[in-house]
Amino acid sequence: MVTAGFDPLTDAAKLYVGRLRDAGVPVTHAHHPDTFHGFLSIRFFPQRRAALRCTSDFVRERITAGSQPDGPRVAAGSTRSAIP
């Protein structure tokens, strides 16, 4: 799950991540506090590049390893949310 700091959907996304974790579903969540909704679609943002790289690494690792997530991967400039 990728969330942005200035996004009206971030709070709901964080709750969803928490509920998935509570249900035992492995979740990786990268929060980019200095970005806004839609930042992944703006080509010149350095945060976009970092988030897409992190996402592609995650997918590549899962495809090649065929394993469950072994822990969160966080893109440069992002933070992990502390969700109980």
C-alpha atoms as a PDB file:
ATOM      1  CA  MET A   1       0.000   0.000   0.000  1.00  0.00           C
ATOM      2  CA  VAL A   2       1.392   3.386  -0.949  1.00  0.00           C
ATOM      3  CA  THR A   3      -0.027   6.476   0.718  1.00  0.00           C
ATOM      4  CA  ALA A   4       0.694  10.185   0.511  1.00  0.00           C
ATOM      5  CA  GLY A   5       0.847  12.750   3.292  1.00  0.00           C
ATOM      6  CA  PHE A   6      -1.548  15.193   1.668  1.00  0.00           C
ATOM      7  CA  ASP A   7      -4.300  12.863   0.542  1.00  0.00           C
ATOM      8  CA  PRO A   8      -7.892  12.685   1.772  1.00  0.00           C
ATOM      9  CA  LEU A   9      -7.753   8.883   1.379  1.00  0.00           C
ATOM     10  CA  THR A  10      -4.695   8.307   3.585  1.00  0.00           C
ATOM     11  CA  ASP A  11      -6.560   7.853   6.868  1.00  0.00           C
ATOM     12  CA  ALA A  12      -8.875   5.258   5.335  1.00  0.00           C
ATOM     13  CA  ALA A  13      -5.917   3.478   3.722  1.00  0.00           C
ATOM     14  CA  LYS A  14      -4.094   3.311   7.067  1.00  0.00           C
ATOM     15  CA  LEU A  15      -7.186   1.838   8.700  1.00  0.00           C
ATOM     16  CA  TYR A  16      -7.429  -0.723   5.905  1.00  0.00           C
ATOM     17  CA  VAL A  17      -3.773  -1.689   6.355  1.00  0.00           C
ATOM     18  CA  GLY A  18      -4.421  -2.136  10.078  1.00  0.00           C
ATOM     19  CA  ARG A  19      -7.460  -4.320   9.470  1.00  0.00           C
ATOM     20  CA  LEU A  20      -5.569  -6.481   7.006  1.00  0.00           C
ATOM     21  CA  ARG A  21      -2.758  -6.949   9.525  1.00  0.00           C
ATOM     22  CA  ASP A  22      -5.277  -7.750  12.263  1.00  0.00           C
ATOM     23  CA  ALA A  23      -6.689 -10.447   9.969  1.00  0.00           C
ATOM     24  CA  GLY A  24      -3.208 -11.924   9.501  1.00  0.00           C
ATOM     25  CA  VAL A  25      -2.740 -10.676   5.954  1.00  0.00           C
ATOM     26  CA  PRO A  26       0.870  -9.673   5.194  1.00  0.00           C
ATOM     27  CA  VAL A  27       0.900  -6.003   4.200  1.00  0.00           C
ATOM     28  CA  THR A  28       3.652  -3.682   3.095  1.00  0.00           C
ATOM     29  CA  HIS A  29       2.855  -0.013   3.589  1.00  0.00           C
ATOM     30  CA  ALA A  30       5.027   2.863   2.401  1.00  0.00           C
ATOM     31  CA  HIS A  31       3.856   6.312   3.464  1.00  0.00           C
ATOM     32  CA  HIS A  32       5.271   9.348   1.648  1.00  0.00           C
ATOM     33  CA  PRO A  33       4.558  12.259   4.000  1.00  0.00           C
ATOM     34  CA  ASP A  34       5.755  15.022   1.669  1.00  0.00           C
ATOM     35  CA  THR A  35       3.571  14.077  -1.306  1.00  0.00           C
ATOM     36  CA  PHE A  36      -0.072  14.376  -2.304  1.00  0.00           C
ATOM     37  CA  HIS A  37      -2.772  12.246  -3.886  1.00  0.00           C
ATOM     38  CA  GLY A  38      -1.782  11.262  -7.399  1.00  0.00           C
ATOM     39  CA  PHE A  39       1.968  11.789  -6.996  1.00  0.00           C
ATOM     40  CA  LEU A  40       2.655   8.467  -8.736  1.00  0.00           C
ATOM     41  CA  SER A  41       1.278   9.889 -11.971  1.00  0.00           C
ATOM     42  CA  ILE A  42       3.559  12.957 -12.056  1.00  0.00           C
ATOM     43  CA  ARG A  43       6.715  11.996 -13.917  1.00  0.00           C
ATOM     44  CA  PHE A  44       9.151  14.589 -12.587  1.00  0.00           C
ATOM     45  CA  PHE A  45       8.633  13.864  -8.870  1.00  0.00           C
ATOM     46  CA  PRO A  46      11.645  12.062  -7.359  1.00  0.00           C
ATOM     47  CA  GLN A  47       9.293  10.440  -4.828  1.00  0.00           C
ATOM     48  CA  ARG A  48       7.451   8.814  -7.718  1.00  0.00           C
ATOM     49  CA  ARG A  49      10.602   7.163  -8.976  1.00  0.00           C
ATOM     50  CA  ALA A  50      11.461   5.857  -5.501  1.00  0.00           C
ATOM     51  CA  ALA A  51       7.937   4.538  -4.876  1.00  0.00           C
ATOM     52  CA  LEU A  52       7.738   2.818  -8.256  1.00  0.00           C
ATOM     53  CA  ARG A  53      11.180   1.273  -7.765  1.00  0.00           C
ATOM     54  CA  CYS A  54      10.136  -0.045  -4.363  1.00  0.00           C
ATOM     55  CA  THR A  55       6.906  -1.443  -5.815  1.00  0.00           C
ATOM     56  CA  SER A  56       8.647  -3.134  -8.745  1.00  0.00           C
ATOM     57  CA  ASP A  57      11.273  -4.635  -6.401  1.00  0.00           C
ATOM     58  CA  PHE A  58       8.496  -5.976  -4.183  1.00  0.00           C
ATOM     59  CA  VAL A  59       6.666  -7.586  -7.118  1.00  0.00           C
ATOM     60  CA  ARG A  60       9.888  -8.974  -8.614  1.00  0.00           C
ATOM     61  CA  GLU A  61      10.895 -10.548  -5.286  1.00  0.00           C
ATOM     62  CA  ARG A  62       7.495 -12.163  -4.847  1.00  0.00           C
ATOM     63  CA  ILE A  63       7.472 -13.565  -8.379  1.00  0.00           C
ATOM     64  CA  THR A  64      11.005 -14.952  -8.264  1.00  0.00           C
ATOM     65  CA  ALA A  65      10.894 -16.220  -4.680  1.00  0.00           C
ATOM     66  CA  GLY A  66       7.284 -17.349  -4.616  1.00  0.00           C
ATOM     67  CA  SER A  67       7.240 -16.506  -0.913  1.00  0.00           C
ATOM     68  CA  GLN A  68       5.236 -14.463   1.513  1.00  0.00           C
ATOM     69  CA  PRO A  69       6.425 -10.939   2.314  1.00  0.00           C
ATOM     70  CA  ASP A  70       9.293 -11.079   4.793  1.00  0.00           C
ATOM     71  CA  GLY A  71       8.838  -7.565   6.028  1.00  0.00           C
ATOM     72  CA  PRO A  72       8.072  -4.114   4.784  1.00  0.00           C
ATOM     73  CA  ARG A  73      10.127  -2.470   2.097  1.00  0.00           C
ATOM     74  CA  VAL A  74      10.101   1.271   2.213  1.00  0.00           C
ATOM     75  CA  ALA A  75      10.979   3.625  -0.620  1.00  0.00           C
ATOM     76  CA  ALA A  76      13.514   6.346  -0.006  1.00  0.00           C
ATOM     77  CA  GLY A  77      11.819   9.387   1.492  1.00  0.00           C
ATOM     78  CA  SER A  78       8.874   7.420   2.832  1.00  0.00           C
ATOM     79  CA  THR A  79       8.024   6.313   6.324  1.00  0.00           C
ATOM     80  CA  ARG A  80       6.266   3.285   7.676  1.00  0.00           C
ATOM     81  CA  SER A  81       3.072   4.015   9.524  1.00  0.00           C
ATOM     82  CA  ALA A  82       2.831   2.715  13.035  1.00  0.00           C
ATOM     83  CA  ILE A  83      -0.531   1.024  12.889  1.00  0.00           C
ATOM     84  CA  PRO A  84      -1.494  -1.127  15.885  1.00  0.00           C
END
